[in-house]
Amino acid sequence: MIFSATRGALAAVALAAGALTLSAVAVEAQESPECIAPANPGGGWDFTCRQVGKSLQDQGLIDQTMQVVNLAGGGGGVAFAEVVNKRNAADNLIVAASSATATRLAQGAYPGNTMDQVRWLASVGADYGVIAVAADSEIDTLPQMLQKIKEDPTSISIAGGSAVGGWDHLKVLIAANAYGIDDVRKVKYIAFDGGGEAVTQLLAGSVQGFTGDISEAKGFVDSGDIKVIAVLAPERLDGEFGKFPTAREQGVDAIGANWRGFYAPGGMSDAAYDEWVSKIATLYASDEWKAVMEANGLAPLDLQGPDFQSFVADSVNQIQSISRQIGIIK
């Protein structure tokens, strides 16, 4: 009986210690929470960090303001290398990611880095692609723009926030190919570090078109600076975004959905990883986040933990296949 009681006491102590350890990790993960946006302010990654950070705090899922660090360069490669090489064991760090991240990983644009070097946390929705022009442009429809490109590829330059061969670039090529432009390599695409900078160049008259996502274009639409000539969605979106025509309804069968989510350092502890997955899942399921999604044109995409990890792996494989077809990679 003495042995049994002692064993029970020890077990209780062990359980309590384990609970304290998990609690400590959860608290540590919340201490000075940080989100890296791998681009300059104003783009989709910046939006993802800032909106999710604010919403997590508003709902009491983190008890401190999330610090957002803009770390532009290499189409996200600078941030990816920073996390892998210098922040690999950080439990308080998450990084905004998207289809653009998967694209660059698929094409080997982050030299020496692969998707398996980080842990993929969760998605927070899908952001459909758009093609836009300056508000005062003579171009009013997607077929008008693509016809100009078809007749004289040098007459139209299109800016985006991803590198050449990146997701923003691929969206334009998919639309061009669907329109019947056989050699899509002739389409002039100019890369910038983030959608905000790309729109700035559009407004300055340096380029004639912009390719990005609804979330990063919304502010410029609201301010009257740009007009969206096509949404790359299978059908018109709900709410205020319903006024924008799809490419498909204009006779161009092009669809481009940019998922948005987060990855974490590869060396993040299992307890902290599970904690972040749980927090983002709780946020995603809330009515408050559904309202954010609707206001910013995000479509549903509900994936967490291993399911999200598998989804990203599939995305990387698919993008590699597309990139080979259009000659971006061998």
C-alpha atoms as a PDB file:
ATOM      1  CA  MET A   1       0.000   0.000   0.000  1.00  0.00           C
ATOM      2  CA  ILE A   2       2.845   2.354   0.820  1.00  0.00           C
ATOM      3  CA  PHE A   3       4.443   1.584  -2.578  1.00  0.00           C
ATOM      4  CA  SER A   4       1.112   2.102  -4.341  1.00  0.00           C
ATOM      5  CA  ALA A   5       0.464   5.401  -2.595  1.00  0.00           C
ATOM      6  CA  THR A   6       3.985   6.591  -3.324  1.00  0.00           C
ATOM      7  CA  ARG A   7       3.661   5.603  -6.960  1.00  0.00           C
ATOM      8  CA  GLY A   8       0.353   7.481  -7.156  1.00  0.00           C
ATOM      9  CA  ALA A   9       1.902  10.554  -5.573  1.00  0.00           C
ATOM     10  CA  LEU A  10       4.800  10.440  -7.987  1.00  0.00           C
ATOM     11  CA  ALA A  11       2.433  10.083 -10.912  1.00  0.00           C
ATOM     12  CA  ALA A  12       0.460  13.085  -9.723  1.00  0.00           C
ATOM     13  CA  VAL A  13       3.648  15.114  -9.384  1.00  0.00           C
ATOM     14  CA  ALA A  14       4.740  14.039 -12.882  1.00  0.00           C
ATOM     15  CA  LEU A  15       1.379  15.001 -14.360  1.00  0.00           C
ATOM     16  CA  ALA A  16       1.482  18.341 -12.614  1.00  0.00           C
ATOM     17  CA  ALA A  17       5.020  18.959 -13.823  1.00  0.00           C
ATOM     18  CA  GLY A  18       3.986  18.069 -17.356  1.00  0.00           C
ATOM     19  CA  ALA A  19       1.046  20.442 -17.178  1.00  0.00           C
ATOM     20  CA  LEU A  20       3.303  23.193 -15.878  1.00  0.00           C
ATOM     21  CA  THR A  21       5.768  22.546 -18.692  1.00  0.00           C
ATOM     22  CA  LEU A  22       3.063  22.757 -21.356  1.00  0.00           C
ATOM     23  CA  SER A  23       1.641  25.843 -19.699  1.00  0.00           C
ATOM     24  CA  ALA A  24       5.073  27.442 -19.618  1.00  0.00           C
ATOM     25  CA  VAL A  25       5.590  26.716 -23.310  1.00  0.00           C
ATOM     26  CA  ALA A  26       2.163  28.153 -24.134  1.00  0.00           C
ATOM     27  CA  VAL A  27       2.979  31.305 -22.163  1.00  0.00           C
ATOM     28  CA  GLU A  28       6.425  31.502 -23.777  1.00  0.00           C
ATOM     29  CA  ALA A  29       4.836  31.253 -27.226  1.00  0.00           C
ATOM     30  CA  GLN A  30       2.721  34.277 -26.310  1.00  0.00           C
ATOM     31  CA  GLU A  31       5.608  36.336 -24.943  1.00  0.00           C
ATOM     32  CA  SER A  32       6.494  39.032 -27.443  1.00  0.00           C
ATOM     33  CA  PRO A  33       4.584  37.315 -30.289  1.00  0.00           C
ATOM     34  CA  GLU A  34       6.069  38.233 -33.648  1.00  0.00           C
ATOM     35  CA  CYS A  35       4.966  37.896 -37.241  1.00  0.00           C
ATOM     36  CA  ILE A  36       7.339  38.377 -40.150  1.00  0.00           C
ATOM     37  CA  ALA A  37       5.805  39.858 -43.308  1.00  0.00           C
ATOM     38  CA  PRO A  38       8.340  38.996 -46.039  1.00  0.00           C
ATOM     39  CA  ALA A  39       7.654  42.186 -48.032  1.00  0.00           C
ATOM     40  CA  ASN A  40       7.333  45.941 -47.650  1.00  0.00           C
ATOM     41  CA  PRO A  41       4.223  47.443 -45.988  1.00  0.00           C
ATOM     42  CA  GLY A  42       1.052  47.478 -48.062  1.00  0.00           C
ATOM     43  CA  GLY A  43       1.126  44.035 -49.659  1.00  0.00           C
ATOM     44  CA  GLY A  44      -0.718  40.787 -49.009  1.00  0.00           C
ATOM     45  CA  TRP A  45       1.808  39.332 -46.561  1.00  0.00           C
ATOM     46  CA  ASP A  46       1.750  42.561 -44.571  1.00  0.00           C
ATOM     47  CA  PHE A  47      -2.063  42.442 -44.518  1.00  0.00           C
ATOM     48  CA  THR A  48      -1.999  38.813 -43.320  1.00  0.00           C
ATOM     49  CA  CYS A  49       0.336  39.536 -40.404  1.00  0.00           C
ATOM     50  CA  ARG A  50      -1.355  42.727 -39.270  1.00  0.00           C
ATOM     51  CA  GLN A  51      -4.957  41.566 -39.593  1.00  0.00           C
ATOM     52  CA  VAL A  52      -4.399  38.172 -37.969  1.00  0.00           C
ATOM     53  CA  GLY A  53      -2.290  39.713 -35.195  1.00  0.00           C
ATOM     54  CA  LYS A  54      -4.970  42.292 -34.427  1.00  0.00           C
ATOM     55  CA  SER A  55      -7.748  39.704 -34.523  1.00  0.00           C
ATOM     56  CA  LEU A  56      -5.862  37.291 -32.238  1.00  0.00           C
ATOM     57  CA  GLN A  57      -5.441  40.044 -29.668  1.00  0.00           C
ATOM     58  CA  ASP A  58      -9.011  41.338 -30.026  1.00  0.00           C
ATOM     59  CA  GLN A  59     -10.329  37.850 -29.269  1.00  0.00           C
ATOM     60  CA  GLY A  60      -7.984  37.327 -26.310  1.00  0.00           C
ATOM     61  CA  LEU A  61      -6.062  34.524 -28.012  1.00  0.00           C
ATOM     62  CA  ILE A  62      -2.822  36.412 -27.376  1.00  0.00           C
ATOM     63  CA  ASP A  63      -2.460  38.852 -24.502  1.00  0.00           C
ATOM     64  CA  GLN A  64       0.137  41.123 -26.085  1.00  0.00           C
ATOM     65  CA  THR A  65       0.301  43.120 -29.293  1.00  0.00           C
ATOM     66  CA  MET A  66       1.873  41.083 -32.065  1.00  0.00           C
ATOM     67  CA  GLN A  67       4.962  42.782 -33.445  1.00  0.00           C
ATOM     68  CA  VAL A  68       4.963  42.837 -37.261  1.00  0.00           C
ATOM     69  CA  VAL A  69       8.405  42.893 -38.875  1.00  0.00           C
ATOM     70  CA  ASN A  70       8.626  43.717 -42.584  1.00  0.00           C
ATOM     71  CA  LEU A  71      11.568  41.774 -43.987  1.00  0.00           C
ATOM     72  CA  ALA A  72      11.521  42.287 -47.751  1.00  0.00           C
ATOM     73  CA  GLY A  73      13.882  40.804 -50.300  1.00  0.00           C
ATOM     74  CA  GLY A  74      14.204  37.891 -52.667  1.00  0.00           C
ATOM     75  CA  GLY A  75      10.441  37.487 -52.985  1.00  0.00           C
ATOM     76  CA  GLY A  76      10.310  36.154 -49.423  1.00  0.00           C
ATOM     77  CA  GLY A  77      13.674  34.414 -49.619  1.00  0.00           C
ATOM     78  CA  VAL A  78      15.387  36.774 -47.194  1.00  0.00           C
ATOM     79  CA  ALA A  79      12.749  36.080 -44.535  1.00  0.00           C
ATOM     80  CA  PHE A  80      12.794  32.317 -45.192  1.00  0.00           C
ATOM     81  CA  ALA A  81      16.588  32.189 -44.812  1.00  0.00           C
ATOM     82  CA  GLU A  82      16.408  34.330 -41.662  1.00  0.00           C
ATOM     83  CA  VAL A  83      13.971  31.896 -40.061  1.00  0.00           C
ATOM     84  CA  VAL A  84      15.868  28.767 -41.120  1.00  0.00           C
ATOM     85  CA  ASN A  85      19.338  30.017 -40.262  1.00  0.00           C
ATOM     86  CA  LYS A  86      18.831  32.358 -37.309  1.00  0.00           C
ATOM     87  CA  ARG A  87      15.370  31.835 -35.780  1.00  0.00           C
ATOM     88  CA  ASN A  88      14.966  28.089 -36.156  1.00  0.00           C
ATOM     89  CA  ALA A  89      14.047  27.431 -32.519  1.00  0.00           C
ATOM     90  CA  ALA A  90      11.790  30.443 -31.899  1.00  0.00           C
ATOM     91  CA  ASP A  91       8.470  29.492 -30.290  1.00  0.00           C
ATOM     92  CA  ASN A  92       6.987  32.990 -30.492  1.00  0.00           C
ATOM     93  CA  LEU A  93       7.440  33.504 -34.251  1.00  0.00           C
ATOM     94  CA  ILE A  94       5.087  32.952 -37.174  1.00  0.00           C
ATOM     95  CA  VAL A  95       5.617  34.012 -40.800  1.00  0.00           C
ATOM     96  CA  ALA A  96       3.026  35.054 -43.376  1.00  0.00           C
ATOM     97  CA  ALA A  97       2.941  32.783 -46.433  1.00  0.00           C
ATOM     98  CA  SER A  98       0.852  32.302 -49.548  1.00  0.00           C
ATOM     99  CA  SER A  99       0.747  30.653 -52.943  1.00  0.00           C
ATOM    100  CA  ALA A 100       3.657  32.943 -53.817  1.00  0.00           C
ATOM    101  CA  THR A 101       5.748  31.219 -51.140  1.00  0.00           C
ATOM    102  CA  ALA A 102       4.895  27.793 -52.526  1.00  0.00           C
ATOM    103  CA  THR A 103       5.678  29.017 -56.042  1.00  0.00           C
ATOM    104  CA  ARG A 104       9.167  30.162 -55.141  1.00  0.00           C
ATOM    105  CA  LEU A 105       9.898  26.989 -53.201  1.00  0.00           C
ATOM    106  CA  ALA A 106       8.644  24.928 -56.145  1.00  0.00           C
ATOM    107  CA  GLN A 107      10.930  26.761 -58.542  1.00  0.00           C
ATOM    108  CA  GLY A 108      14.016  26.673 -56.323  1.00  0.00           C
ATOM    109  CA  ALA A 109      13.982  30.472 -55.947  1.00  0.00           C
ATOM    110  CA  TYR A 110      15.150  30.224 -52.334  1.00  0.00           C
ATOM    111  CA  PRO A 111      18.619  28.748 -52.987  1.00  0.00           C
ATOM    112  CA  GLY A 112      19.391  25.838 -50.689  1.00  0.00           C
ATOM    113  CA  ASN A 113      15.987  25.984 -48.987  1.00  0.00           C
ATOM    114  CA  THR A 114      12.992  23.632 -49.159  1.00  0.00           C
ATOM    115  CA  MET A 115       9.489  23.617 -47.681  1.00  0.00           C
ATOM    116  CA  ASP A 116      10.492  20.850 -45.242  1.00  0.00           C
ATOM    117  CA  GLN A 117      12.819  23.202 -43.348  1.00  0.00           C
ATOM    118  CA  VAL A 118       9.869  24.957 -41.702  1.00  0.00           C
ATOM    119  CA  ARG A 119       6.604  23.848 -40.079  1.00  0.00           C
ATOM    120  CA  TRP A 120       3.375  24.809 -41.826  1.00  0.00           C
ATOM    121  CA  LEU A 121       0.778  26.053 -39.363  1.00  0.00           C
ATOM    122  CA  ALA A 122      -2.589  26.866 -40.928  1.00  0.00           C
ATOM    123  CA  SER A 123      -4.461  28.713 -43.642  1.00  0.00           C
ATOM    124  CA  VAL A 124      -6.687  31.719 -42.993  1.00  0.00           C
ATOM    125  CA  GLY A 125      -8.483  31.854 -46.345  1.00  0.00           C
ATOM    126  CA  ALA A 126      -7.897  32.160 -50.056  1.00  0.00           C
ATOM    127  CA  ASP A 127      -7.400  35.457 -51.830  1.00  0.00           C
ATOM    128  CA  TYR A 128      -8.467  35.470 -55.479  1.00  0.00           C
ATOM    129  CA  GLY A 129      -6.182  37.120 -57.968  1.00  0.00           C
ATOM    130  CA  VAL A 130      -7.042  40.290 -59.831  1.00  0.00           C
ATOM    131  CA  ILE A 131      -5.784  42.129 -62.876  1.00  0.00           C
ATOM    132  CA  ALA A 132      -6.159  45.898 -62.645  1.00  0.00           C
ATOM    133  CA  VAL A 133      -5.241  49.137 -64.372  1.00  0.00           C
ATOM    134  CA  ALA A 134      -5.028  52.770 -63.270  1.00  0.00           C
ATOM    135  CA  ALA A 135      -8.426  54.392 -62.771  1.00  0.00           C
ATOM    136  CA  ASP A 136      -7.904  56.699 -65.749  1.00  0.00           C
ATOM    137  CA  SER A 137      -6.682  53.958 -68.109  1.00  0.00           C
ATOM    138  CA  GLU A 138      -8.347  53.601 -71.501  1.00  0.00           C
ATOM    139  CA  ILE A 139      -8.432  49.841 -70.887  1.00  0.00           C
ATOM    140  CA  ASP A 140     -11.752  48.725 -69.389  1.00  0.00           C
ATOM    141  CA  THR A 141     -11.775  44.938 -69.879  1.00  0.00           C
ATOM    142  CA  LEU A 142      -9.375  42.017 -69.689  1.00  0.00           C
ATOM    143  CA  PRO A 143      -9.829  41.089 -73.379  1.00  0.00           C
ATOM    144  CA  GLN A 144      -8.845  44.647 -74.324  1.00  0.00           C
ATOM    145  CA  MET A 145      -5.596  44.359 -72.408  1.00  0.00           C
ATOM    146  CA  LEU A 146      -4.782  40.877 -73.702  1.00  0.00           C
ATOM    147  CA  GLN A 147      -5.560  41.887 -77.279  1.00  0.00           C
ATOM    148  CA  LYS A 148      -3.066  44.760 -76.992  1.00  0.00           C
ATOM    149  CA  ILE A 149      -0.469  42.303 -75.705  1.00  0.00           C
ATOM    150  CA  LYS A 150      -1.263  39.877 -78.511  1.00  0.00           C
ATOM    151  CA  GLU A 151      -0.843  42.565 -81.165  1.00  0.00           C
ATOM    152  CA  ASP A 152       2.230  44.205 -79.602  1.00  0.00           C
ATOM    153  CA  PRO A 153       3.739  42.567 -76.495  1.00  0.00           C
ATOM    154  CA  THR A 154       5.942  45.614 -75.903  1.00  0.00           C
ATOM    155  CA  SER A 155       2.943  47.939 -75.500  1.00  0.00           C
ATOM    156  CA  ILE A 156       1.868  46.639 -72.086  1.00  0.00           C
ATOM    157  CA  SER A 157       3.982  46.096 -68.966  1.00  0.00           C
ATOM    158  CA  ILE A 158       2.340  44.449 -65.980  1.00  0.00           C
ATOM    159  CA  ALA A 159       3.656  44.848 -62.423  1.00  0.00           C
ATOM    160  CA  GLY A 160       3.298  42.418 -59.550  1.00  0.00           C
ATOM    161  CA  GLY A 161       4.631  41.801 -56.076  1.00  0.00           C
ATOM    162  CA  SER A 162       6.312  38.490 -56.836  1.00  0.00           C
ATOM    163  CA  ALA A 163       9.520  37.638 -58.636  1.00  0.00           C
ATOM    164  CA  VAL A 164       9.625  36.704 -62.316  1.00  0.00           C
ATOM    165  CA  GLY A 165       8.081  33.238 -62.463  1.00  0.00           C
ATOM    166  CA  GLY A 166       6.299  33.869 -59.161  1.00  0.00           C
ATOM    167  CA  TRP A 167       2.606  33.529 -58.421  1.00  0.00           C
ATOM    168  CA  ASP A 168       1.637  37.032 -59.572  1.00  0.00           C
ATOM    169  CA  HIS A 169       3.536  36.417 -62.811  1.00  0.00           C
ATOM    170  CA  LEU A 170       1.942  32.994 -63.291  1.00  0.00           C
ATOM    171  CA  LYS A 171      -1.571  34.459 -62.974  1.00  0.00           C
ATOM    172  CA  VAL A 172      -0.958  36.782 -65.920  1.00  0.00           C
ATOM    173  CA  LEU A 173       0.539  33.951 -67.963  1.00  0.00           C
ATOM    174  CA  ILE A 174      -2.450  31.711 -67.224  1.00  0.00           C
ATOM    175  CA  ALA A 175      -4.804  34.478 -68.428  1.00  0.00           C
ATOM    176  CA  ALA A 176      -2.669  35.139 -71.525  1.00  0.00           C
ATOM    177  CA  ASN A 177      -2.577  31.464 -72.400  1.00  0.00           C
ATOM    178  CA  ALA A 178      -6.350  31.154 -71.939  1.00  0.00           C
ATOM    179  CA  TYR A 179      -6.833  34.097 -74.321  1.00  0.00           C
ATOM    180  CA  GLY A 180      -4.808  32.390 -77.035  1.00  0.00           C
ATOM    181  CA  ILE A 181      -1.409  34.021 -76.661  1.00  0.00           C
ATOM    182  CA  ASP A 182       0.779  31.084 -77.631  1.00  0.00           C
ATOM    183  CA  ASP A 183       4.177  32.338 -76.488  1.00  0.00           C
ATOM    184  CA  VAL A 184       3.414  33.665 -73.011  1.00  0.00           C
ATOM    185  CA  ARG A 185       7.103  34.355 -72.452  1.00  0.00           C
ATOM    186  CA  LYS A 186       6.619  37.547 -74.490  1.00  0.00           C
ATOM    187  CA  VAL A 187       4.289  39.024 -71.870  1.00  0.00           C
ATOM    188  CA  LYS A 188       6.172  41.871 -70.150  1.00  0.00           C
ATOM    189  CA  TYR A 189       6.117  41.407 -66.379  1.00  0.00           C
ATOM    190  CA  ILE A 190       8.017  43.601 -63.914  1.00  0.00           C
ATOM    191  CA  ALA A 191       8.611  42.335 -60.390  1.00  0.00           C
ATOM    192  CA  PHE A 192       8.530  44.438 -57.228  1.00  0.00           C
ATOM    193  CA  ASP A 193       8.900  43.616 -53.518  1.00  0.00           C
ATOM    194  CA  GLY A 194       5.226  43.529 -52.626  1.00  0.00           C
ATOM    195  CA  GLY A 195       1.905  44.526 -54.143  1.00  0.00           C
ATOM    196  CA  GLY A 196       1.945  47.996 -52.607  1.00  0.00           C
ATOM    197  CA  GLU A 197       5.103  48.944 -54.481  1.00  0.00           C
ATOM    198  CA  ALA A 198       3.720  47.456 -57.713  1.00  0.00           C
ATOM    199  CA  VAL A 199       0.570  49.592 -57.477  1.00  0.00           C
ATOM    200  CA  THR A 200       2.700  52.655 -56.777  1.00  0.00           C
ATOM    201  CA  GLN A 201       4.521  52.075 -60.059  1.00  0.00           C
ATOM    202  CA  LEU A 202       1.182  51.652 -61.841  1.00  0.00           C
ATOM    203  CA  LEU A 203      -0.046  54.990 -60.507  1.00  0.00           C
ATOM    204  CA  ALA A 204       3.239  56.613 -61.520  1.00  0.00           C
ATOM    205  CA  GLY A 205       2.658  55.474 -65.105  1.00  0.00           C
ATOM    206  CA  SER A 206       5.744  53.255 -65.195  1.00  0.00           C
ATOM    207  CA  VAL A 207       3.586  50.218 -66.072  1.00  0.00           C
ATOM    208  CA  GLN A 208       0.135  49.787 -67.624  1.00  0.00           C
ATOM    209  CA  GLY A 209      -1.247  46.915 -65.550  1.00  0.00           C
ATOM    210  CA  PHE A 210      -1.144  45.335 -62.100  1.00  0.00           C
ATOM    211  CA  THR A 211      -1.536  41.723 -61.040  1.00  0.00           C
ATOM    212  CA  GLY A 212      -2.087  40.870 -57.413  1.00  0.00           C
ATOM    213  CA  ASP A 213      -4.772  39.783 -55.004  1.00  0.00           C
ATOM    214  CA  ILE A 214      -7.992  41.399 -53.852  1.00  0.00           C
ATOM    215  CA  SER A 215      -6.753  42.063 -50.309  1.00  0.00           C
ATOM    216  CA  GLU A 216      -3.794  44.127 -51.505  1.00  0.00           C
ATOM    217  CA  ALA A 217      -5.813  45.876 -54.231  1.00  0.00           C
ATOM    218  CA  LYS A 218      -8.814  46.762 -52.056  1.00  0.00           C
ATOM    219  CA  GLY A 219      -7.403  49.927 -50.486  1.00  0.00           C
ATOM    220  CA  PHE A 220      -6.408  51.296 -53.889  1.00  0.00           C
ATOM    221  CA  VAL A 221      -9.866  50.486 -55.267  1.00  0.00           C
ATOM    222  CA  ASP A 222     -11.539  52.205 -52.304  1.00  0.00           C
ATOM    223  CA  SER A 223      -9.377  55.293 -52.831  1.00  0.00           C
ATOM    224  CA  GLY A 224     -10.321  55.401 -56.517  1.00  0.00           C
ATOM    225  CA  ASP A 225      -6.744  54.946 -57.750  1.00  0.00           C
ATOM    226  CA  ILE A 226      -7.230  51.716 -59.713  1.00  0.00           C
ATOM    227  CA  LYS A 227      -9.985  49.763 -61.435  1.00  0.00           C
ATOM    228  CA  VAL A 228     -10.163  45.982 -61.419  1.00  0.00           C
ATOM    229  CA  ILE A 229     -10.768  44.631 -64.913  1.00  0.00           C
ATOM    230  CA  ALA A 230     -10.871  40.952 -63.906  1.00  0.00           C
ATOM    231  CA  VAL A 231     -11.143  38.752 -60.846  1.00  0.00           C
ATOM    232  CA  LEU A 232      -9.580  35.318 -61.345  1.00  0.00           C
ATOM    233  CA  ALA A 233     -12.390  33.458 -59.591  1.00  0.00           C
ATOM    234  CA  PRO A 234     -14.761  30.815 -60.990  1.00  0.00           C
ATOM    235  CA  GLU A 235     -17.741  33.116 -60.352  1.00  0.00           C
ATOM    236  CA  ARG A 236     -18.416  36.569 -58.976  1.00  0.00           C
ATOM    237  CA  LEU A 237     -17.603  37.008 -55.314  1.00  0.00           C
ATOM    238  CA  ASP A 238     -20.166  37.969 -52.693  1.00  0.00           C
ATOM    239  CA  GLY A 239     -20.611  41.372 -51.124  1.00  0.00           C
ATOM    240  CA  GLU A 240     -18.879  44.507 -52.348  1.00  0.00           C
ATOM    241  CA  PHE A 241     -16.532  42.518 -54.553  1.00  0.00           C
ATOM    242  CA  GLY A 242     -19.452  41.321 -56.624  1.00  0.00           C
ATOM    243  CA  LYS A 243     -19.167  44.453 -58.777  1.00  0.00           C
ATOM    244  CA  PHE A 244     -15.914  43.212 -60.303  1.00  0.00           C
ATOM    245  CA  PRO A 245     -16.236  40.966 -63.393  1.00  0.00           C
ATOM    246  CA  THR A 246     -14.492  37.602 -63.509  1.00  0.00           C
ATOM    247  CA  ALA A 247     -12.108  36.708 -66.295  1.00  0.00           C
ATOM    248  CA  ARG A 248     -14.320  33.736 -67.119  1.00  0.00           C
ATOM    249  CA  GLU A 249     -17.422  35.832 -67.789  1.00  0.00           C
ATOM    250  CA  GLN A 250     -15.322  37.879 -70.223  1.00  0.00           C
ATOM    251  CA  GLY A 251     -14.457  34.750 -72.171  1.00  0.00           C
ATOM    252  CA  VAL A 252     -11.042  34.169 -70.584  1.00  0.00           C
ATOM    253  CA  ASP A 253     -11.083  30.905 -68.626  1.00  0.00           C
ATOM    254  CA  ALA A 254      -8.433  31.812 -66.059  1.00  0.00           C
ATOM    255  CA  ILE A 255      -8.656  31.084 -62.318  1.00  0.00           C
ATOM    256  CA  GLY A 256      -6.039  32.010 -59.726  1.00  0.00           C
ATOM    257  CA  ALA A 257      -6.622  31.588 -55.987  1.00  0.00           C
ATOM    258  CA  ASN A 258      -3.873  32.685 -53.640  1.00  0.00           C
ATOM    259  CA  TRP A 259      -4.107  30.888 -50.306  1.00  0.00           C
ATOM    260  CA  ARG A 260      -2.968  32.766 -47.246  1.00  0.00           C
ATOM    261  CA  GLY A 261      -1.528  31.247 -44.096  1.00  0.00           C
ATOM    262  CA  PHE A 262       1.541  30.874 -41.928  1.00  0.00           C
ATOM    263  CA  TYR A 263       4.659  28.815 -41.397  1.00  0.00           C
ATOM    264  CA  ALA A 264       6.786  28.569 -38.268  1.00  0.00           C
ATOM    265  CA  PRO A 265      10.445  27.768 -37.590  1.00  0.00           C
ATOM    266  CA  GLY A 266      11.361  24.139 -38.216  1.00  0.00           C
ATOM    267  CA  GLY A 267      12.736  23.793 -34.685  1.00  0.00           C
ATOM    268  CA  MET A 268       9.628  25.149 -32.956  1.00  0.00           C
ATOM    269  CA  SER A 269       8.624  22.867 -30.080  1.00  0.00           C
ATOM    270  CA  ASP A 270       5.657  20.551 -30.596  1.00  0.00           C
ATOM    271  CA  ALA A 271       3.800  22.207 -27.732  1.00  0.00           C
ATOM    272  CA  ALA A 272       4.241  25.702 -29.163  1.00  0.00           C
ATOM    273  CA  TYR A 273       3.355  24.464 -32.666  1.00  0.00           C
ATOM    274  CA  ASP A 274       0.146  22.862 -31.390  1.00  0.00           C
ATOM    275  CA  GLU A 275      -0.654  26.047 -29.481  1.00  0.00           C
ATOM    276  CA  TRP A 276      -0.294  28.252 -32.567  1.00  0.00           C
ATOM    277  CA  VAL A 277      -2.321  25.817 -34.703  1.00  0.00           C
ATOM    278  CA  SER A 278      -5.074  25.863 -32.080  1.00  0.00           C
ATOM    279  CA  LYS A 279      -5.109  29.657 -31.844  1.00  0.00           C
ATOM    280  CA  ILE A 280      -5.331  30.150 -35.599  1.00  0.00           C
ATOM    281  CA  ALA A 281      -8.016  27.447 -35.886  1.00  0.00           C
ATOM    282  CA  THR A 282     -10.068  29.168 -33.175  1.00  0.00           C
ATOM    283  CA  LEU A 283      -9.638  32.509 -34.921  1.00  0.00           C
ATOM    284  CA  TYR A 284     -10.637  31.065 -38.299  1.00  0.00           C
ATOM    285  CA  ALA A 285     -13.852  29.557 -36.873  1.00  0.00           C
ATOM    286  CA  SER A 286     -14.979  32.838 -35.283  1.00  0.00           C
ATOM    287  CA  ASP A 287     -17.719  35.089 -36.627  1.00  0.00           C
ATOM    288  CA  GLU A 288     -15.293  37.996 -36.331  1.00  0.00           C
ATOM    289  CA  TRP A 289     -12.854  36.398 -38.761  1.00  0.00           C
ATOM    290  CA  LYS A 290     -15.648  35.507 -41.181  1.00  0.00           C
ATOM    291  CA  ALA A 291     -16.501  39.219 -41.247  1.00  0.00           C
ATOM    292  CA  VAL A 292     -12.850  40.073 -41.953  1.00  0.00           C
ATOM    293  CA  MET A 293     -12.800  37.544 -44.777  1.00  0.00           C
ATOM    294  CA  GLU A 294     -15.943  38.963 -46.353  1.00  0.00           C
ATOM    295  CA  ALA A 295     -14.706  42.553 -46.049  1.00  0.00           C
ATOM    296  CA  ASN A 296     -11.411  41.698 -47.735  1.00  0.00           C
ATOM    297  CA  GLY A 297     -12.517  39.274 -50.418  1.00  0.00           C
ATOM    298  CA  LEU A 298     -11.091  36.144 -48.807  1.00  0.00           C
ATOM    299  CA  ALA A 299     -12.717  32.855 -49.787  1.00  0.00           C
ATOM    300  CA  PRO A 300     -12.913  29.904 -47.345  1.00  0.00           C
ATOM    301  CA  LEU A 301      -9.894  27.636 -46.920  1.00  0.00           C
ATOM    302  CA  ASP A 302      -9.926  25.800 -43.586  1.00  0.00           C
ATOM    303  CA  LEU A 303      -6.709  23.809 -43.107  1.00  0.00           C
ATOM    304  CA  GLN A 304      -4.534  23.365 -40.016  1.00  0.00           C
ATOM    305  CA  GLY A 305      -1.510  21.373 -38.913  1.00  0.00           C
ATOM    306  CA  PRO A 306      -0.763  18.190 -40.905  1.00  0.00           C
ATOM    307  CA  ASP A 307      -3.624  18.882 -43.341  1.00  0.00           C
ATOM    308  CA  PHE A 308      -2.102  22.240 -44.210  1.00  0.00           C
ATOM    309  CA  GLN A 309       1.370  20.697 -44.468  1.00  0.00           C
ATOM    310  CA  SER A 310       0.035  18.183 -47.033  1.00  0.00           C
ATOM    311  CA  PHE A 311      -1.824  20.920 -48.905  1.00  0.00           C
ATOM    312  CA  VAL A 312       1.338  23.006 -49.283  1.00  0.00           C
ATOM    313  CA  ALA A 313       3.288  19.953 -50.466  1.00  0.00           C
ATOM    314  CA  ASP A 314       0.637  19.294 -53.126  1.00  0.00           C
ATOM    315  CA  SER A 315       0.715  22.961 -54.155  1.00  0.00           C
ATOM    316  CA  VAL A 316       4.491  22.875 -54.578  1.00  0.00           C
ATOM    317  CA  ASN A 317       4.242  19.782 -56.777  1.00  0.00           C
ATOM    318  CA  GLN A 318       1.463  21.300 -58.912  1.00  0.00           C
ATOM    319  CA  ILE A 319       3.324  24.586 -59.418  1.00  0.00           C
ATOM    320  CA  GLN A 320       6.464  22.730 -60.439  1.00  0.00           C
ATOM    321  CA  SER A 321       4.434  20.986 -63.136  1.00  0.00           C
ATOM    322  CA  ILE A 322       2.903  24.252 -64.426  1.00  0.00           C
ATOM    323  CA  SER A 323       6.256  26.007 -64.398  1.00  0.00           C
ATOM    324  CA  ARG A 324       7.807  23.271 -66.518  1.00  0.00           C
ATOM    325  CA  GLN A 325       4.967  23.523 -69.029  1.00  0.00           C
ATOM    326  CA  ILE A 326       5.584  27.224 -69.594  1.00  0.00           C
ATOM    327  CA  GLY A 327       9.343  26.884 -69.540  1.00  0.00           C
ATOM    328  CA  ILE A 328      10.087  28.719 -66.315  1.00  0.00           C
ATOM    329  CA  ILE A 329      11.978  25.715 -64.935  1.00  0.00           C
ATOM    330  CA  LYS A 330      13.391  22.688 -66.691  1.00  0.00           C
END
